[in-house]
Amino acid sequence: AAEAVKQTYSKGKVVKGTIGSADVWNNEVDRIKWFHKTYGTSVEEMEG
């Protein structure tokens, strides 16, 4: 369903990926890159 309506979104790309979650707000770029390499994360948040 999400892929079927991708064309309705014009403010950026819509891609499939890996969402990472934790009760941590990461601001260290090297740490963020480590998560991206280790888990393949596209983004991080605190709930999903």
ModelCIF file with pLDDT and N, C-alpha, C, O atoms, coordinates in Angstrom:
data_MODEL
#
_entry.id   MODEL 
#
_entity.id                         1 
_entity.type                       polymer 
_entity.pdbx_number_of_molecules   1 
#
_entity_poly.entity_id                      1 
_entity_poly.type                           'polypeptide(L)' 
_entity_poly.nstd_linkage                   no 
_entity_poly.nstd_monomer                   no 
_entity_poly.pdbx_seq_one_letter_code       AAEAVKQTYSKGKVVKGTIGSADVWNNEVDRIKWFHKTYGTSVEEMEG 
_entity_poly.pdbx_seq_one_letter_code_can   AAEAVKQTYSKGKVVKGTIGSADVWNNEVDRIKWFHKTYGTSVEEMEG 
_entity_poly.pdbx_strand_id                 A 
#
loop_
_entity_poly_seq.entity_id 
_entity_poly_seq.num 
_entity_poly_seq.mon_id 
_entity_poly_seq.hetero 
1 1  ALA n 
1 2  ALA n 
1 3  GLU n 
1 4  ALA n 
1 5  VAL n 
1 6  LYS n 
1 7  GLN n 
1 8  THR n 
1 9  TYR n 
1 10 SER n 
1 11 LYS n 
1 12 GLY n 
1 13 LYS n 
1 14 VAL n 
1 15 VAL n 
1 16 LYS n 
1 17 GLY n 
1 18 THR n 
1 19 ILE n 
1 20 GLY n 
1 21 SER n 
1 22 ALA n 
1 23 ASP n 
1 24 VAL n 
1 25 TRP n 
1 26 ASN n 
1 27 ASN n 
1 28 GLU n 
1 29 VAL n 
1 30 ASP n 
1 31 ARG n 
1 32 ILE n 
1 33 LYS n 
1 34 TRP n 
1 35 PHE n 
1 36 HIS n 
1 37 LYS n 
1 38 THR n 
1 39 TYR n 
1 40 GLY n 
1 41 THR n 
1 42 SER n 
1 43 VAL n 
1 44 GLU n 
1 45 GLU n 
1 46 MET n 
1 47 GLU n 
1 48 GLY n 
#
_struct_asym.id          A 
_struct_asym.entity_id   1 
#
loop_
_ma_qa_metric.id 
_ma_qa_metric.mode 
_ma_qa_metric.name 
_ma_qa_metric.software_group_id 
_ma_qa_metric.type 
1 global pLDDT . pLDDT 
2 local  pLDDT . pLDDT 
#
_ma_qa_metric_global.metric_id      1 
_ma_qa_metric_global.metric_value   97.42 
_ma_qa_metric_global.model_id       1 
_ma_qa_metric_global.ordinal_id     1 
#
loop_
_ma_qa_metric_local.label_asym_id 
_ma_qa_metric_local.label_comp_id 
_ma_qa_metric_local.label_seq_id 
_ma_qa_metric_local.metric_id 
_ma_qa_metric_local.metric_value 
_ma_qa_metric_local.model_id 
_ma_qa_metric_local.ordinal_id 
A ALA 1  2 98.00 1 1  
A ALA 2  2 98.00 1 2  
A GLU 3  2 98.00 1 3  
A ALA 4  2 98.00 1 4  
A VAL 5  2 98.00 1 5  
A LYS 6  2 97.00 1 6  
A GLN 7  2 97.00 1 7  
A THR 8  2 97.00 1 8  
A TYR 9  2 98.00 1 9  
A SER 10 2 98.00 1 10 
A LYS 11 2 98.00 1 11 
A GLY 12 2 98.00 1 12 
A LYS 13 2 98.00 1 13 
A VAL 14 2 98.00 1 14 
A VAL 15 2 98.00 1 15 
A LYS 16 2 98.00 1 16 
A GLY 17 2 98.00 1 17 
A THR 18 2 98.00 1 18 
A ILE 19 2 98.00 1 19 
A GLY 20 2 98.00 1 20 
A SER 21 2 98.00 1 21 
A ALA 22 2 98.00 1 22 
A ASP 23 2 97.00 1 23 
A VAL 24 2 95.00 1 24 
A TRP 25 2 95.00 1 25 
A ASN 26 2 96.00 1 26 
A ASN 27 2 96.00 1 27 
A GLU 28 2 97.00 1 28 
A VAL 29 2 98.00 1 29 
A ASP 30 2 97.00 1 30 
A ARG 31 2 97.00 1 31 
A ILE 32 2 98.00 1 32 
A LYS 33 2 97.00 1 33 
A TRP 34 2 97.00 1 34 
A PHE 35 2 97.00 1 35 
A HIS 36 2 98.00 1 36 
A LYS 37 2 96.00 1 37 
A THR 38 2 95.00 1 38 
A TYR 39 2 96.00 1 39 
A GLY 40 2 97.00 1 40 
A THR 41 2 98.00 1 41 
A SER 42 2 98.00 1 42 
A VAL 43 2 98.00 1 43 
A GLU 44 2 98.00 1 44 
A GLU 45 2 98.00 1 45 
A MET 46 2 98.00 1 46 
A GLU 47 2 98.00 1 47 
A GLY 48 2 98.00 1 48 
#
loop_
_atom_site.group_PDB 
_atom_site.id 
_atom_site.type_symbol 
_atom_site.label_atom_id 
_atom_site.label_alt_id 
_atom_site.label_comp_id 
_atom_site.label_asym_id 
_atom_site.label_entity_id 
_atom_site.label_seq_id 
_atom_site.pdbx_PDB_ins_code 
_atom_site.Cartn_x 
_atom_site.Cartn_y 
_atom_site.Cartn_z 
_atom_site.occupancy 
_atom_site.B_iso_or_equiv 
_atom_site.pdbx_formal_charge 
_atom_site.auth_seq_id 
_atom_site.auth_comp_id 
_atom_site.auth_asym_id 
_atom_site.auth_atom_id 
_atom_site.pdbx_PDB_model_num 
ATOM 1   N N  . ALA A 1 1  ? 0.829  -1.206 0.000  1.00 98.00 ? 1  ALA A N  1 
ATOM 2   C CA . ALA A 1 1  ? 0.000  0.000  0.000  1.00 98.00 ? 1  ALA A CA 1 
ATOM 3   C C  . ALA A 1 1  ? 0.861  1.253  0.000  1.00 98.00 ? 1  ALA A C  1 
ATOM 4   O O  . ALA A 1 1  ? 0.564  2.223  -0.697 1.00 98.00 ? 1  ALA A O  1 
ATOM 5   N N  . ALA A 1 2  ? 1.935  1.224  0.791  1.00 98.00 ? 2  ALA A N  1 
ATOM 6   C CA . ALA A 1 2  ? 2.840  2.379  0.868  1.00 98.00 ? 2  ALA A CA 1 
ATOM 7   C C  . ALA A 1 2  ? 3.566  2.602  -0.459 1.00 98.00 ? 2  ALA A C  1 
ATOM 8   O O  . ALA A 1 2  ? 3.751  3.740  -0.891 1.00 98.00 ? 2  ALA A O  1 
ATOM 9   N N  . GLU A 1 3  ? 3.971  1.513  -1.097 1.00 98.00 ? 3  GLU A N  1 
ATOM 10  C CA . GLU A 1 3  ? 4.665  1.636  -2.379 1.00 98.00 ? 3  GLU A CA 1 
ATOM 11  C C  . GLU A 1 3  ? 3.714  2.123  -3.471 1.00 98.00 ? 3  GLU A C  1 
ATOM 12  O O  . GLU A 1 3  ? 4.125  2.835  -4.388 1.00 98.00 ? 3  GLU A O  1 
ATOM 13  N N  . ALA A 1 4  ? 2.453  1.740  -3.371 1.00 98.00 ? 4  ALA A N  1 
ATOM 14  C CA . ALA A 1 4  ? 1.469  2.088  -4.398 1.00 98.00 ? 4  ALA A CA 1 
ATOM 15  C C  . ALA A 1 4  ? 1.187  3.583  -4.470 1.00 98.00 ? 4  ALA A C  1 
ATOM 16  O O  . ALA A 1 4  ? 0.747  4.081  -5.506 1.00 98.00 ? 4  ALA A O  1 
ATOM 17  N N  . VAL A 1 5  ? 1.438  4.314  -3.365 1.00 98.00 ? 5  VAL A N  1 
ATOM 18  C CA . VAL A 1 5  ? 1.133  5.753  -3.350 1.00 98.00 ? 5  VAL A CA 1 
ATOM 19  C C  . VAL A 1 5  ? 2.397  6.609  -3.253 1.00 98.00 ? 5  VAL A C  1 
ATOM 20  O O  . VAL A 1 5  ? 2.335  7.779  -2.877 1.00 98.00 ? 5  VAL A O  1 
ATOM 21  N N  . LYS A 1 6  ? 3.534  6.021  -3.592 1.00 97.00 ? 6  LYS A N  1 
ATOM 22  C CA . LYS A 1 6  ? 4.789  6.788  -3.517 1.00 97.00 ? 6  LYS A CA 1 
ATOM 23  C C  . LYS A 1 6  ? 4.746  8.050  -4.369 1.00 97.00 ? 6  LYS A C  1 
ATOM 24  O O  . LYS A 1 6  ? 5.321  9.077  -4.008 1.00 97.00 ? 6  LYS A O  1 
ATOM 25  N N  . GLN A 1 7  ? 4.051  7.957  -5.511 1.00 97.00 ? 7  GLN A N  1 
ATOM 26  C CA . GLN A 1 7  ? 4.033  9.089  -6.435 1.00 97.00 ? 7  GLN A CA 1 
ATOM 27  C C  . GLN A 1 7  ? 3.296  10.301 -5.867 1.00 97.00 ? 7  GLN A C  1 
ATOM 28  O O  . GLN A 1 7  ? 3.440  11.413 -6.377 1.00 97.00 ? 7  GLN A O  1 
ATOM 29  N N  . THR A 1 8  ? 2.498  10.086 -4.800 1.00 97.00 ? 8  THR A N  1 
ATOM 30  C CA . THR A 1 8  ? 1.772  11.217 -4.203 1.00 97.00 ? 8  THR A CA 1 
ATOM 31  C C  . THR A 1 8  ? 2.690  12.086 -3.355 1.00 97.00 ? 8  THR A C  1 
ATOM 32  O O  . THR A 1 8  ? 2.326  13.206 -2.996 1.00 97.00 ? 8  THR A O  1 
ATOM 33  N N  . TYR A 1 9  ? 3.872  11.582 -3.034 1.00 98.00 ? 9  TYR A N  1 
ATOM 34  C CA . TYR A 1 9  ? 4.797  12.323 -2.172 1.00 98.00 ? 9  TYR A CA 1 
ATOM 35  C C  . TYR A 1 9  ? 5.835  13.035 -3.031 1.00 98.00 ? 9  TYR A C  1 
ATOM 36  O O  . TYR A 1 9  ? 6.590  12.394 -3.762 1.00 98.00 ? 9  TYR A O  1 
ATOM 37  N N  . SER A 1 10 ? 5.869  14.345 -2.943 1.00 98.00 ? 10 SER A N  1 
ATOM 38  C CA . SER A 1 10 ? 6.740  15.139 -3.822 1.00 98.00 ? 10 SER A CA 1 
ATOM 39  C C  . SER A 1 10 ? 7.851  15.882 -3.088 1.00 98.00 ? 10 SER A C  1 
ATOM 40  O O  . SER A 1 10 ? 8.613  16.620 -3.714 1.00 98.00 ? 10 SER A O  1 
ATOM 41  N N  . LYS A 1 11 ? 7.956  15.702 -1.780 1.00 98.00 ? 11 LYS A N  1 
ATOM 42  C CA . LYS A 1 11 ? 8.933  16.481 -1.009 1.00 98.00 ? 11 LYS A CA 1 
ATOM 43  C C  . LYS A 1 11 ? 10.263 15.758 -0.806 1.00 98.00 ? 11 LYS A C  1 
ATOM 44  O O  . LYS A 1 11 ? 11.201 16.310 -0.231 1.00 98.00 ? 11 LYS A O  1 
ATOM 45  N N  . GLY A 1 12 ? 10.330 14.520 -1.285 1.00 98.00 ? 12 GLY A N  1 
ATOM 46  C CA . GLY A 1 12 ? 11.560 13.750 -1.155 1.00 98.00 ? 12 GLY A CA 1 
ATOM 47  C C  . GLY A 1 12 ? 11.360 12.360 -1.716 1.00 98.00 ? 12 GLY A C  1 
ATOM 48  O O  . GLY A 1 12 ? 10.331 12.066 -2.325 1.00 98.00 ? 12 GLY A O  1 
ATOM 49  N N  . LYS A 1 13 ? 12.347 11.509 -1.508 1.00 98.00 ? 13 LYS A N  1 
ATOM 50  C CA . LYS A 1 13 ? 12.255 10.121 -1.953 1.00 98.00 ? 13 LYS A CA 1 
ATOM 51  C C  . LYS A 1 13 ? 11.477 9.295  -0.925 1.00 98.00 ? 13 LYS A C  1 
ATOM 52  O O  . LYS A 1 13 ? 11.406 9.642  0.254  1.00 98.00 ? 13 LYS A O  1 
ATOM 53  N N  . VAL A 1 14 ? 10.900 8.200  -1.404 1.00 98.00 ? 14 VAL A N  1 
ATOM 54  C CA . VAL A 1 14 ? 10.309 7.188  -0.524 1.00 98.00 ? 14 VAL A CA 1 
ATOM 55  C C  . VAL A 1 14 ? 11.039 5.884  -0.824 1.00 98.00 ? 14 VAL A C  1 
ATOM 56  O O  . VAL A 1 14 ? 10.976 5.370  -1.941 1.00 98.00 ? 14 VAL A O  1 
ATOM 57  N N  . VAL A 1 15 ? 11.736 5.349  0.187  1.00 98.00 ? 15 VAL A N  1 
ATOM 58  C CA . VAL A 1 15 ? 12.547 4.150  -0.032 1.00 98.00 ? 15 VAL A CA 1 
ATOM 59  C C  . VAL A 1 15 ? 12.269 3.127  1.063  1.00 98.00 ? 15 VAL A C  1 
ATOM 60  O O  . VAL A 1 15 ? 11.848 3.480  2.164  1.00 98.00 ? 15 VAL A O  1 
ATOM 61  N N  . LYS A 1 16 ? 12.506 1.872  0.754  1.00 98.00 ? 16 LYS A N  1 
ATOM 62  C CA . LYS A 1 16 ? 12.461 0.826  1.774  1.00 98.00 ? 16 LYS A CA 1 
ATOM 63  C C  . LYS A 1 16 ? 13.811 0.772  2.476  1.00 98.00 ? 16 LYS A C  1 
ATOM 64  O O  . LYS A 1 16 ? 14.852 0.978  1.852  1.00 98.00 ? 16 LYS A O  1 
ATOM 65  N N  . GLY A 1 17 ? 13.789 0.495  3.770  1.00 98.00 ? 17 GLY A N  1 
ATOM 66  C CA . GLY A 1 17 ? 15.042 0.453  4.513  1.00 98.00 ? 17 GLY A CA 1 
ATOM 67  C C  . GLY A 1 17 ? 14.861 -0.146 5.890  1.00 98.00 ? 17 GLY A C  1 
ATOM 68  O O  . GLY A 1 17 ? 13.843 -0.770 6.190  1.00 98.00 ? 17 GLY A O  1 
ATOM 69  N N  . THR A 1 18 ? 15.874 0.058  6.728  1.00 98.00 ? 18 THR A N  1 
ATOM 70  C CA . THR A 1 18 ? 15.867 -0.464 8.093  1.00 98.00 ? 18 THR A CA 1 
ATOM 71  C C  . THR A 1 18 ? 15.766 0.686  9.083  1.00 98.00 ? 18 THR A C  1 
ATOM 72  O O  . THR A 1 18 ? 16.566 1.621  9.056  1.00 98.00 ? 18 THR A O  1 
ATOM 73  N N  . ILE A 1 19 ? 14.768 0.602  9.958  1.00 98.00 ? 19 ILE A N  1 
ATOM 74  C CA . ILE A 1 19 ? 14.557 1.618  10.989 1.00 98.00 ? 19 ILE A CA 1 
ATOM 75  C C  . ILE A 1 19 ? 15.125 1.107  12.304 1.00 98.00 ? 19 ILE A C  1 
ATOM 76  O O  . ILE A 1 19 ? 14.757 0.026  12.765 1.00 98.00 ? 19 ILE A O  1 
ATOM 77  N N  . GLY A 1 20 ? 16.017 1.878  12.908 1.00 98.00 ? 20 GLY A N  1 
ATOM 78  C CA . GLY A 1 20 ? 16.587 1.533  14.203 1.00 98.00 ? 20 GLY A CA 1 
ATOM 79  C C  . GLY A 1 20 ? 15.935 2.330  15.319 1.00 98.00 ? 20 GLY A C  1 
ATOM 80  O O  . GLY A 1 20 ? 15.630 3.510  15.147 1.00 98.00 ? 20 GLY A O  1 
ATOM 81  N N  . SER A 1 21 ? 15.719 1.690  16.462 1.00 98.00 ? 21 SER A N  1 
ATOM 82  C CA . SER A 1 21 ? 15.061 2.351  17.595 1.00 98.00 ? 21 SER A CA 1 
ATOM 83  C C  . SER A 1 21 ? 15.841 2.124  18.881 1.00 98.00 ? 21 SER A C  1 
ATOM 84  O O  . SER A 1 21 ? 16.420 1.057  19.085 1.00 98.00 ? 21 SER A O  1 
ATOM 85  N N  . ALA A 1 22 ? 15.853 3.130  19.747 1.00 98.00 ? 22 ALA A N  1 
ATOM 86  C CA . ALA A 1 22 ? 16.495 2.998  21.060 1.00 98.00 ? 22 ALA A CA 1 
ATOM 87  C C  . ALA A 1 22 ? 16.156 4.207  21.913 1.00 98.00 ? 22 ALA A C  1 
ATOM 88  O O  . ALA A 1 22 ? 15.793 5.263  21.395 1.00 98.00 ? 22 ALA A O  1 
ATOM 89  N N  . ASP A 1 23 ? 16.277 4.046  23.224 1.00 97.00 ? 23 ASP A N  1 
ATOM 90  C CA . ASP A 1 23 ? 16.113 5.176  24.133 1.00 97.00 ? 23 ASP A CA 1 
ATOM 91  C C  . ASP A 1 23 ? 17.427 5.954  24.226 1.00 97.00 ? 23 ASP A C  1 
ATOM 92  O O  . ASP A 1 23 ? 17.902 6.273  25.316 1.00 97.00 ? 23 ASP A O  1 
ATOM 93  N N  . VAL A 1 24 ? 17.995 6.247  23.074 1.00 95.00 ? 24 VAL A N  1 
ATOM 94  C CA . VAL A 1 24 ? 19.251 7.008  22.991 1.00 95.00 ? 24 VAL A CA 1 
ATOM 95  C C  . VAL A 1 24 ? 19.134 7.961  21.806 1.00 95.00 ? 24 VAL A C  1 
ATOM 96  O O  . VAL A 1 24 ? 18.627 7.591  20.747 1.00 95.00 ? 24 VAL A O  1 
ATOM 97  N N  . TRP A 1 25 ? 19.601 9.168  21.993 1.00 95.00 ? 25 TRP A N  1 
ATOM 98  C CA . TRP A 1 25 ? 19.634 10.158 20.907 1.00 95.00 ? 25 TRP A CA 1 
ATOM 99  C C  . TRP A 1 25 ? 21.089 10.283 20.470 1.00 95.00 ? 25 TRP A C  1 
ATOM 100 O O  . TRP A 1 25 ? 21.897 10.909 21.156 1.00 95.00 ? 25 TRP A O  1 
ATOM 101 N N  . ASN A 1 26 ? 21.415 9.690  19.337 1.00 96.00 ? 26 ASN A N  1 
ATOM 102 C CA . ASN A 1 26 ? 22.805 9.664  18.871 1.00 96.00 ? 26 ASN A CA 1 
ATOM 103 C C  . ASN A 1 26 ? 23.152 10.899 18.056 1.00 96.00 ? 26 ASN A C  1 
ATOM 104 O O  . ASN A 1 26 ? 22.501 11.192 17.052 1.00 96.00 ? 26 ASN A O  1 
ATOM 105 N N  . ASN A 1 27 ? 24.174 11.620 18.488 1.00 96.00 ? 27 ASN A N  1 
ATOM 106 C CA . ASN A 1 27 ? 24.672 12.790 17.761 1.00 96.00 ? 27 ASN A CA 1 
ATOM 107 C C  . ASN A 1 27 ? 26.128 12.636 17.330 1.00 96.00 ? 27 ASN A C  1 
ATOM 108 O O  . ASN A 1 27 ? 26.677 13.515 16.666 1.00 96.00 ? 27 ASN A O  1 
ATOM 109 N N  . GLU A 1 28 ? 26.756 11.519 17.707 1.00 97.00 ? 28 GLU A N  1 
ATOM 110 C CA . GLU A 1 28 ? 28.148 11.275 17.321 1.00 97.00 ? 28 GLU A CA 1 
ATOM 111 C C  . GLU A 1 28 ? 28.158 10.611 15.939 1.00 97.00 ? 28 GLU A C  1 
ATOM 112 O O  . GLU A 1 28 ? 27.674 9.491  15.772 1.00 97.00 ? 28 GLU A O  1 
ATOM 113 N N  . VAL A 1 29 ? 28.714 11.313 14.963 1.00 98.00 ? 29 VAL A N  1 
ATOM 114 C CA . VAL A 1 29 ? 28.652 10.834 13.584 1.00 98.00 ? 29 VAL A CA 1 
ATOM 115 C C  . VAL A 1 29 ? 29.315 9.468  13.432 1.00 98.00 ? 29 VAL A C  1 
ATOM 116 O O  . VAL A 1 29 ? 28.793 8.609  12.721 1.00 98.00 ? 29 VAL A O  1 
ATOM 117 N N  . ASP A 1 30 ? 30.453 9.254  14.085 1.00 97.00 ? 30 ASP A N  1 
ATOM 118 C CA . ASP A 1 30 ? 31.121 7.956  13.979 1.00 97.00 ? 30 ASP A CA 1 
ATOM 119 C C  . ASP A 1 30 ? 30.263 6.842  14.580 1.00 97.00 ? 30 ASP A C  1 
ATOM 120 O O  . ASP A 1 30 ? 30.239 5.723  14.067 1.00 97.00 ? 30 ASP A O  1 
ATOM 121 N N  . ARG A 1 31 ? 29.570 7.149  15.653 1.00 97.00 ? 31 ARG A N  1 
ATOM 122 C CA . ARG A 1 31 ? 28.671 6.179  16.268 1.00 97.00 ? 31 ARG A CA 1 
ATOM 123 C C  . ARG A 1 31 ? 27.507 5.854  15.319 1.00 97.00 ? 31 ARG A C  1 
ATOM 124 O O  . ARG A 1 31 ? 27.136 4.691  15.157 1.00 97.00 ? 31 ARG A O  1 
ATOM 125 N N  . ILE A 1 32 ? 26.947 6.875  14.707 1.00 98.00 ? 32 ILE A N  1 
ATOM 126 C CA . ILE A 1 32 ? 25.855 6.692  13.746 1.00 98.00 ? 32 ILE A CA 1 
ATOM 127 C C  . ILE A 1 32 ? 26.323 5.819  12.579 1.00 98.00 ? 32 ILE A C  1 
ATOM 128 O O  . ILE A 1 32 ? 25.600 4.931  12.127 1.00 98.00 ? 32 ILE A O  1 
ATOM 129 N N  . LYS A 1 33 ? 27.523 6.080  12.107 1.00 97.00 ? 33 LYS A N  1 
ATOM 130 C CA . LYS A 1 33 ? 28.067 5.277  11.001 1.00 97.00 ? 33 LYS A CA 1 
ATOM 131 C C  . LYS A 1 33 ? 28.280 3.823  11.427 1.00 97.00 ? 33 LYS A C  1 
ATOM 132 O O  . LYS A 1 33 ? 28.117 2.904  10.624 1.00 97.00 ? 33 LYS A O  1 
ATOM 133 N N  . TRP A 1 34 ? 28.644 3.623  12.690 1.00 97.00 ? 34 TRP A N  1 
ATOM 134 C CA . TRP A 1 34 ? 28.821 2.258  13.199 1.00 97.00 ? 34 TRP A CA 1 
ATOM 135 C C  . TRP A 1 34 ? 27.491 1.505  13.178 1.00 97.00 ? 34 TRP A C  1 
ATOM 136 O O  . TRP A 1 34 ? 27.452 0.336  12.795 1.00 97.00 ? 34 TRP A O  1 
ATOM 137 N N  . PHE A 1 35 ? 26.398 2.162  13.586 1.00 97.00 ? 35 PHE A N  1 
ATOM 138 C CA . PHE A 1 35 ? 25.075 1.542  13.526 1.00 97.00 ? 35 PHE A CA 1 
ATOM 139 C C  . PHE A 1 35 ? 24.691 1.220  12.078 1.00 97.00 ? 35 PHE A C  1 
ATOM 140 O O  . PHE A 1 35 ? 24.156 0.152  11.778 1.00 97.00 ? 35 PHE A O  1 
ATOM 141 N N  . HIS A 1 36 ? 24.977 2.163  11.207 1.00 98.00 ? 36 HIS A N  1 
ATOM 142 C CA . HIS A 1 36 ? 24.640 1.960  9.789  1.00 98.00 ? 36 HIS A CA 1 
ATOM 143 C C  . HIS A 1 36 ? 25.381 0.750  9.220  1.00 98.00 ? 36 HIS A C  1 
ATOM 144 O O  . HIS A 1 36 ? 24.821 -0.020 8.439  1.00 98.00 ? 36 HIS A O  1 
ATOM 145 N N  . LYS A 1 37 ? 26.634 0.593  9.615  1.00 96.00 ? 37 LYS A N  1 
ATOM 146 C CA . LYS A 1 37 ? 27.444 -0.532 9.130  1.00 96.00 ? 37 LYS A CA 1 
ATOM 147 C C  . LYS A 1 37 ? 27.028 -1.848 9.801  1.00 96.00 ? 37 LYS A C  1 
ATOM 148 O O  . LYS A 1 37 ? 26.933 -2.881 9.139  1.00 96.00 ? 37 LYS A O  1 
ATOM 149 N N  . THR A 1 38 ? 26.783 -1.806 11.104 1.00 95.00 ? 38 THR A N  1 
ATOM 150 C CA . THR A 1 38 ? 26.502 -3.025 11.878 1.00 95.00 ? 38 THR A CA 1 
ATOM 151 C C  . THR A 1 38 ? 25.088 -3.554 11.655 1.00 95.00 ? 38 THR A C  1 
ATOM 152 O O  . THR A 1 38 ? 24.882 -4.763 11.541 1.00 95.00 ? 38 THR A O  1 
ATOM 153 N N  . TYR A 1 39 ? 24.116 -2.647 11.595 1.00 96.00 ? 39 TYR A N  1 
ATOM 154 C CA . TYR A 1 39 ? 22.713 -3.036 11.483 1.00 96.00 ? 39 TYR A CA 1 
ATOM 155 C C  . TYR A 1 39 ? 22.107 -2.740 10.106 1.00 96.00 ? 39 TYR A C  1 
ATOM 156 O O  . TYR A 1 39 ? 21.023 -3.227 9.787  1.00 96.00 ? 39 TYR A O  1 
ATOM 157 N N  . GLY A 1 40 ? 22.800 -1.950 9.303  1.00 97.00 ? 40 GLY A N  1 
ATOM 158 C CA . GLY A 1 40 ? 22.234 -1.536 8.023  1.00 97.00 ? 40 GLY A CA 1 
ATOM 159 C C  . GLY A 1 40 ? 21.133 -0.508 8.164  1.00 97.00 ? 40 GLY A C  1 
ATOM 160 O O  . GLY A 1 40 ? 20.260 -0.406 7.301  1.00 97.00 ? 40 GLY A O  1 
ATOM 161 N N  . THR A 1 41 ? 21.167 0.259  9.252  1.00 98.00 ? 41 THR A N  1 
ATOM 162 C CA . THR A 1 41 ? 20.101 1.222  9.524  1.00 98.00 ? 41 THR A CA 1 
ATOM 163 C C  . THR A 1 41 ? 20.090 2.379  8.535  1.00 98.00 ? 41 THR A C  1 
ATOM 164 O O  . THR A 1 41 ? 21.132 2.885  8.121  1.00 98.00 ? 41 THR A O  1 
ATOM 165 N N  . SER A 1 42 ? 18.879 2.779  8.173  1.00 98.00 ? 42 SER A N  1 
ATOM 166 C CA . SER A 1 42 ? 18.672 3.950  7.323  1.00 98.00 ? 42 SER A CA 1 
ATOM 167 C C  . SER A 1 42 ? 18.434 5.194  8.175  1.00 98.00 ? 42 SER A C  1 
ATOM 168 O O  . SER A 1 42 ? 18.892 6.290  7.853  1.00 98.00 ? 42 SER A O  1 
ATOM 169 N N  . VAL A 1 43 ? 17.700 4.991  9.273  1.00 98.00 ? 43 VAL A N  1 
ATOM 170 C CA . VAL A 1 43 ? 17.349 6.092  10.190 1.00 98.00 ? 43 VAL A CA 1 
ATOM 171 C C  . VAL A 1 43 ? 17.294 5.545  11.615 1.00 98.00 ? 43 VAL A C  1 
ATOM 172 O O  . VAL A 1 43 ? 17.320 4.335  11.839 1.00 98.00 ? 43 VAL A O  1 
ATOM 173 N N  . GLU A 1 44 ? 17.219 6.460  12.559 1.00 98.00 ? 44 GLU A N  1 
ATOM 174 C CA . GLU A 1 44 ? 16.984 6.076  13.952 1.00 98.00 ? 44 GLU A CA 1 
ATOM 175 C C  . GLU A 1 44 ? 15.881 6.922  14.557 1.00 98.00 ? 44 GLU A C  1 
ATOM 176 O O  . GLU A 1 44 ? 15.693 8.085  14.202 1.00 98.00 ? 44 GLU A O  1 
ATOM 177 N N  . GLU A 1 45 ? 15.150 6.302  15.489 1.00 98.00 ? 45 GLU A N  1 
ATOM 178 C CA . GLU A 1 45 ? 14.131 6.991  16.268 1.00 98.00 ? 45 GLU A CA 1 
ATOM 179 C C  . GLU A 1 45 ? 14.017 6.294  17.620 1.00 98.00 ? 45 GLU A C  1 
ATOM 180 O O  . GLU A 1 45 ? 14.895 5.509  17.979 1.00 98.00 ? 45 GLU A O  1 
ATOM 181 N N  . MET A 1 46 ? 12.957 6.562  18.372 1.00 98.00 ? 46 MET A N  1 
ATOM 182 C CA . MET A 1 46 ? 12.902 6.064  19.748 1.00 98.00 ? 46 MET A CA 1 
ATOM 183 C C  . MET A 1 46 ? 11.684 5.201  20.062 1.00 98.00 ? 46 MET A C  1 
ATOM 184 O O  . MET A 1 46 ? 11.383 4.973  21.233 1.00 98.00 ? 46 MET A O  1 
ATOM 185 N N  . GLU A 1 47 ? 10.976 4.714  19.037 1.00 98.00 ? 47 GLU A N  1 
ATOM 186 C CA . GLU A 1 47 ? 9.729  4.021  19.336 1.00 98.00 ? 47 GLU A CA 1 
ATOM 187 C C  . GLU A 1 47 ? 9.460  2.744  18.523 1.00 98.00 ? 47 GLU A C  1 
ATOM 188 O O  . GLU A 1 47 ? 8.956  1.763  19.072 1.00 98.00 ? 47 GLU A O  1 
ATOM 189 N N  . GLY A 1 48 ? 9.781  2.746  17.260 1.00 98.00 ? 48 GLY A N  1 
ATOM 190 C CA . GLY A 1 48 ? 9.288  1.745  16.321 1.00 98.00 ? 48 GLY A CA 1 
ATOM 191 C C  . GLY A 1 48 ? 9.513  0.294  16.685 1.00 98.00 ? 48 GLY A C  1 
ATOM 192 O O  . GLY A 1 48 ? 9.121  -0.599 15.934 1.00 98.00 ? 48 GLY A O  1 
#
